[in-house]
Amino acid sequence: MVFRVVQPWGPDKGQHATLQSEHTTITEAFEALDAITARIVRTGAPSNTIELVVVDENGRQLKRPDSH
């Protein structure tokens, strides 16, 4: 399975999105998302400056493992 970090731009966040990175595990995808967020914050911008989500290979948005 492939997991992608994407920046959505349309109503279907998984299909209408710009690919940022691709990973073989969900853990790697969320680590990449965290790294991008950390870089954004280091520049002084708010962490919600851009929307990024993790999706599976079918374009379904995923939640962080062990989150409620």
N, C-alpha and C. Protein backbone atom coordinates (compact mmCIF):
# COMPACT_ATOMS: atom_id res chain seq x y z
N MET A 1 0.83 -1.18 0.00
CA MET A 1 0.00 0.00 0.00
C MET A 1 0.88 1.24 0.00
N VAL A 2 0.38 2.30 -0.62
CA VAL A 2 1.09 3.57 -0.70
C VAL A 2 0.30 4.61 0.11
N PHE A 3 1.03 5.41 0.86
CA PHE A 3 0.44 6.50 1.64
C PHE A 3 1.04 7.80 1.14
N ARG A 4 0.18 8.80 0.95
CA ARG A 4 0.62 10.06 0.38
C ARG A 4 0.30 11.23 1.30
N VAL A 5 1.21 12.19 1.35
CA VAL A 5 0.94 13.47 1.99
C VAL A 5 0.56 14.39 0.83
N VAL A 6 -0.64 14.98 0.93
CA VAL A 6 -1.13 15.82 -0.15
C VAL A 6 -1.64 17.15 0.38
N GLN A 7 -1.67 18.15 -0.49
CA GLN A 7 -2.27 19.45 -0.18
C GLN A 7 -3.55 19.53 -1.00
N PRO A 8 -4.71 19.39 -0.34
CA PRO A 8 -5.97 19.42 -1.08
C PRO A 8 -6.29 20.80 -1.63
N TRP A 9 -6.98 20.84 -2.76
CA TRP A 9 -7.38 22.10 -3.36
C TRP A 9 -8.82 22.08 -3.84
N GLY A 10 -9.49 20.95 -3.69
CA GLY A 10 -10.87 20.83 -4.17
C GLY A 10 -11.76 20.15 -3.16
N PRO A 11 -12.99 19.88 -3.54
CA PRO A 11 -13.95 19.32 -2.60
C PRO A 11 -13.62 17.89 -2.16
N ASP A 12 -12.99 17.11 -3.00
CA ASP A 12 -12.59 15.74 -2.63
C ASP A 12 -11.10 15.79 -2.28
N LYS A 13 -10.81 15.84 -0.98
CA LYS A 13 -9.44 16.06 -0.52
C LYS A 13 -8.46 15.00 -1.00
N GLY A 14 -8.91 13.80 -1.23
CA GLY A 14 -8.01 12.74 -1.67
C GLY A 14 -7.75 12.73 -3.16
N GLN A 15 -8.70 13.20 -3.94
CA GLN A 15 -8.57 13.18 -5.39
C GLN A 15 -8.16 14.53 -5.97
N HIS A 16 -8.61 15.61 -5.33
CA HIS A 16 -8.28 16.96 -5.80
C HIS A 16 -7.19 17.51 -4.89
N ALA A 17 -5.98 17.12 -5.16
CA ALA A 17 -4.88 17.48 -4.27
C ALA A 17 -3.56 17.45 -5.01
N THR A 18 -2.60 18.19 -4.47
CA THR A 18 -1.24 18.20 -5.00
C THR A 18 -0.37 17.29 -4.14
N LEU A 19 0.29 16.35 -4.76
CA LEU A 19 1.14 15.41 -4.06
C LEU A 19 2.37 16.10 -3.48
N GLN A 20 2.62 15.88 -2.20
CA GLN A 20 3.82 16.41 -1.54
C GLN A 20 4.88 15.32 -1.36
N SER A 21 4.44 14.11 -0.97
CA SER A 21 5.37 13.00 -0.81
C SER A 21 4.61 11.68 -0.77
N GLU A 22 5.34 10.59 -1.00
CA GLU A 22 4.77 9.24 -1.03
C GLU A 22 5.58 8.34 -0.11
N HIS A 23 4.89 7.42 0.60
CA HIS A 23 5.56 6.58 1.60
C HIS A 23 4.97 5.18 1.60
N THR A 24 5.76 4.24 2.11
CA THR A 24 5.31 2.84 2.14
C THR A 24 4.57 2.48 3.42
N THR A 25 4.68 3.31 4.46
CA THR A 25 3.94 3.05 5.69
C THR A 25 3.21 4.31 6.13
N ILE A 26 2.12 4.13 6.86
CA ILE A 26 1.37 5.26 7.37
C ILE A 26 2.21 6.06 8.38
N THR A 27 3.05 5.37 9.13
CA THR A 27 3.92 6.04 10.11
C THR A 27 4.87 6.99 9.40
N GLU A 28 5.49 6.54 8.31
CA GLU A 28 6.40 7.41 7.54
C GLU A 28 5.67 8.62 6.98
N ALA A 29 4.44 8.42 6.53
CA ALA A 29 3.67 9.53 5.97
C ALA A 29 3.40 10.59 7.03
N PHE A 30 3.00 10.17 8.23
CA PHE A 30 2.74 11.14 9.28
C PHE A 30 4.03 11.77 9.81
N GLU A 31 5.13 11.05 9.78
CA GLU A 31 6.42 11.66 10.14
C GLU A 31 6.79 12.75 9.14
N ALA A 32 6.54 12.51 7.86
CA ALA A 32 6.81 13.52 6.83
C ALA A 32 5.90 14.73 7.03
N LEU A 33 4.66 14.49 7.35
CA LEU A 33 3.72 15.58 7.62
C LEU A 33 4.20 16.41 8.80
N ASP A 34 4.65 15.75 9.85
CA ASP A 34 5.17 16.46 11.03
C ASP A 34 6.41 17.28 10.68
N ALA A 35 7.28 16.74 9.83
CA ALA A 35 8.50 17.46 9.44
C ALA A 35 8.15 18.72 8.65
N ILE A 36 7.17 18.63 7.77
CA ILE A 36 6.75 19.81 7.00
C ILE A 36 6.17 20.85 7.94
N THR A 37 5.33 20.42 8.87
CA THR A 37 4.72 21.34 9.83
C THR A 37 5.79 22.02 10.68
N ALA A 38 6.80 21.27 11.11
CA ALA A 38 7.88 21.84 11.92
C ALA A 38 8.64 22.91 11.13
N ARG A 39 8.89 22.66 9.85
CA ARG A 39 9.58 23.66 9.01
C ARG A 39 8.74 24.93 8.87
N ILE A 40 7.45 24.77 8.71
CA ILE A 40 6.56 25.92 8.59
C ILE A 40 6.60 26.75 9.87
N VAL A 41 6.52 26.09 11.01
CA VAL A 41 6.52 26.79 12.30
C VAL A 41 7.86 27.50 12.53
N ARG A 42 8.97 26.86 12.13
CA ARG A 42 10.29 27.48 12.31
C ARG A 42 10.42 28.80 11.55
N THR A 43 9.67 28.95 10.47
CA THR A 43 9.72 30.20 9.70
C THR A 43 8.89 31.30 10.35
N GLY A 44 8.15 30.94 11.39
CA GLY A 44 7.31 31.92 12.07
C GLY A 44 5.87 31.92 11.61
N ALA A 45 5.55 31.08 10.63
CA ALA A 45 4.17 30.99 10.16
C ALA A 45 3.35 30.08 11.08
N PRO A 46 2.06 30.29 11.18
CA PRO A 46 1.23 29.39 11.98
C PRO A 46 1.22 27.99 11.37
N SER A 47 1.05 26.98 12.21
CA SER A 47 1.08 25.59 11.74
C SER A 47 -0.08 25.27 10.81
N ASN A 48 -1.13 26.11 10.81
CA ASN A 48 -2.26 25.86 9.91
C ASN A 48 -2.22 26.75 8.66
N THR A 49 -1.03 27.18 8.28
CA THR A 49 -0.85 28.03 7.09
C THR A 49 -1.36 27.33 5.84
N ILE A 50 -1.03 26.07 5.68
CA ILE A 50 -1.54 25.27 4.56
C ILE A 50 -2.16 24.00 5.10
N GLU A 51 -3.11 23.48 4.36
CA GLU A 51 -3.74 22.22 4.77
C GLU A 51 -3.01 21.07 4.10
N LEU A 52 -2.57 20.12 4.90
CA LEU A 52 -1.95 18.90 4.41
C LEU A 52 -2.66 17.72 5.06
N VAL A 53 -2.89 16.67 4.29
CA VAL A 53 -3.53 15.48 4.82
C VAL A 53 -2.80 14.25 4.31
N VAL A 54 -3.01 13.14 4.98
CA VAL A 54 -2.47 11.85 4.54
C VAL A 54 -3.63 11.05 3.95
N VAL A 55 -3.38 10.50 2.76
CA VAL A 55 -4.39 9.68 2.10
C VAL A 55 -3.77 8.34 1.70
N ASP A 56 -4.65 7.34 1.53
CA ASP A 56 -4.16 6.04 1.06
C ASP A 56 -4.14 6.04 -0.46
N GLU A 57 -3.80 4.90 -1.04
CA GLU A 57 -3.66 4.84 -2.50
C GLU A 57 -4.98 5.01 -3.23
N ASN A 58 -6.09 4.89 -2.51
CA ASN A 58 -7.41 5.09 -3.10
C ASN A 58 -7.94 6.51 -2.89
N GLY A 59 -7.11 7.36 -2.26
CA GLY A 59 -7.50 8.75 -2.05
C GLY A 59 -8.34 8.98 -0.81
N ARG A 60 -8.43 7.97 0.07
CA ARG A 60 -9.20 8.14 1.31
C ARG A 60 -8.34 8.82 2.35
N GLN A 61 -8.87 9.89 2.95
CA GLN A 61 -8.15 10.61 3.99
C GLN A 61 -8.03 9.72 5.23
N LEU A 62 -6.83 9.71 5.83
CA LEU A 62 -6.55 8.85 6.98
C LEU A 62 -6.32 9.68 8.23
N LYS A 63 -6.69 9.09 9.36
CA LYS A 63 -6.38 9.70 10.66
C LYS A 63 -5.06 9.14 11.14
N ARG A 64 -4.43 9.93 11.99
CA ARG A 64 -3.17 9.51 12.60
C ARG A 64 -3.44 8.25 13.45
N PRO A 65 -2.60 7.22 13.32
CA PRO A 65 -2.79 6.03 14.14
C PRO A 65 -2.78 6.40 15.64
N ASP A 66 -3.61 5.76 16.40
CA ASP A 66 -3.73 5.97 17.84
C ASP A 66 -4.30 7.34 18.19
N SER A 67 -4.96 8.03 17.26
CA SER A 67 -5.64 9.28 17.59
C SER A 67 -7.11 8.99 17.78
N HIS A 68 -7.77 9.85 18.50
CA HIS A 68 -9.19 9.61 18.79
C HIS A 68 -10.06 10.59 18.07
